Protein backbone atom coordinates (compact mmCIF):
# COMPACT_ATOMS: atom_id res chain seq x y z
CA MET A 1 33.98 -3.27 -11.04
CA ASN A 2 31.92 -6.20 -9.73
CA SER A 3 30.41 -4.09 -7.21
CA ARG A 4 29.56 -1.31 -9.49
CA LYS A 5 28.08 -3.59 -11.57
CA ARG A 6 25.89 -5.54 -9.15
CA GLU A 7 22.60 -7.04 -11.17
CA PHE A 8 22.54 -4.19 -13.45
CA GLU A 9 22.06 -6.62 -17.13
CA ASP A 10 23.19 -3.38 -19.46
CA VAL A 11 26.77 -3.88 -18.42
CA LEU A 12 28.64 -5.99 -21.04
CA ASP A 13 29.53 -9.61 -20.15
CA PRO A 14 33.67 -9.37 -19.96
CA PHE A 15 33.71 -12.82 -21.51
CA GLU A 16 31.73 -11.41 -24.65
CA ILE A 17 33.75 -8.09 -25.24
CA GLU A 18 36.02 -8.51 -28.28
CA ASN A 19 39.42 -6.66 -28.25
CA GLY A 20 39.19 -3.23 -29.71
CA TRP A 21 35.26 -2.35 -28.59
CA PHE A 22 36.97 0.02 -25.62
CA ILE A 23 39.37 2.44 -26.48
CA LEU A 24 41.80 4.92 -24.37
CA ASP A 25 41.94 8.57 -25.55
CA PRO A 26 45.81 8.90 -25.28
CA THR A 27 45.10 12.92 -24.23
CA PHE A 28 42.77 12.73 -20.88
CA LEU A 29 43.28 8.67 -20.75
CA GLN A 30 39.68 8.32 -20.55
CA VAL A 31 37.75 5.21 -21.83
CA LEU A 32 35.74 5.19 -24.85
CA PRO A 33 33.66 3.38 -27.34
CA SER A 34 35.62 2.61 -30.47
CA PRO A 35 34.13 4.63 -33.35
CA SER A 36 34.34 2.01 -35.43
CA LEU A 37 31.63 -0.03 -33.95
CA ASP A 38 28.14 -0.03 -34.95
CA GLU A 39 25.68 2.00 -33.29
CA THR A 40 24.10 -0.53 -31.04
CA THR A 41 27.45 -2.00 -29.77
CA ARG A 42 28.80 1.39 -29.19
CA GLY A 43 25.77 2.10 -26.91
CA GLN A 44 26.31 -0.92 -25.21
CA VAL A 45 30.04 -0.04 -24.56
CA GLN A 46 29.24 3.65 -23.50
CA THR A 47 26.35 2.56 -21.27
CA THR A 48 28.95 0.01 -19.62
CA ILE A 49 31.42 2.78 -19.21
CA ASP A 50 28.92 5.46 -17.47
CA ARG A 51 27.61 2.44 -15.48
CA LEU A 52 31.02 1.02 -14.06
CA LYS A 53 32.14 4.52 -13.92
CA LEU A 54 35.13 3.73 -15.30
CA ASN A 55 36.12 7.30 -16.21
CA ASP A 56 35.61 8.39 -12.53
CA GLU A 57 38.20 10.32 -10.65
CA GLU A 58 39.04 7.01 -8.89
CA CYS A 59 40.14 5.33 -12.14
CA LEU A 60 41.16 7.96 -13.80
CA GLU A 61 43.74 8.30 -11.34
CA ALA A 62 44.77 4.66 -11.25
CA ARG A 63 45.30 4.99 -15.08
CA TRP A 64 47.17 8.21 -14.77
CA GLY A 65 49.27 6.50 -11.74
CA PHE A 66 50.38 3.75 -14.14
CA TYR A 67 51.17 6.10 -17.25
CA ARG A 68 53.30 8.13 -15.23
CA GLU A 69 55.13 5.62 -14.13
CA TYR A 70 55.73 3.93 -17.41
CA ILE A 71 56.54 7.21 -18.99
CA ASP A 72 58.83 8.52 -16.59
CA GLY A 73 60.81 5.29 -16.60
CA HIS A 74 60.04 3.88 -13.35
CA MET A 75 58.03 1.14 -15.04
CA THR A 76 58.72 -1.39 -17.80
CA PHE A 77 56.19 -2.12 -20.32
CA ALA A 78 55.63 -5.48 -19.10
CA LEU A 79 55.19 -4.19 -15.81
CA LEU A 80 52.72 -2.20 -17.10
CA ALA A 81 51.10 -4.75 -19.10
CA LYS A 82 50.93 -7.00 -15.88
CA TRP A 83 49.13 -4.32 -13.61
CA SER A 84 47.41 -2.16 -16.08
CA PRO A 85 46.78 -4.91 -19.39
CA PHE A 86 44.10 -1.91 -21.02
CA VAL A 87 46.74 1.03 -20.63
CA ALA A 88 49.62 -1.07 -21.74
CA ALA A 89 47.36 -2.80 -24.89
CA GLU A 90 46.26 0.93 -25.56
CA LEU A 91 49.42 2.42 -25.68
CA LYS A 92 50.78 -0.22 -27.94
CA ARG A 93 47.83 -0.41 -30.33
CA GLN A 94 48.49 3.25 -30.30
CA GLY A 95 52.29 3.43 -31.16
CA LEU A 96 52.91 4.76 -28.22
CA THR A 97 55.32 3.04 -26.29
CA ALA A 98 58.90 3.57 -26.10
CA ASP A 99 59.79 0.84 -28.29
CA ALA A 100 57.68 1.65 -30.98
């Protein structure tokens, strides 16, 4: 992601992002801005998603790979949380974990 960010100033600083600003669409595994955000923050989140290409084929395939391994029972939730913490957190938040 750092190579995608480069010198662009419109990408949110990861140390300033709050939990819940980015959400995961459980159907397509696309990263979206939370609908609960104010208009300004939602725009900044969308700009970050677009600039970092968080929904490009490479990122989607990575998320789908981890998600498939988890739902097929080949990966524990703890391992999913280690290798793909955003996917794990979103599945838990949405009540989509095996222990939910």
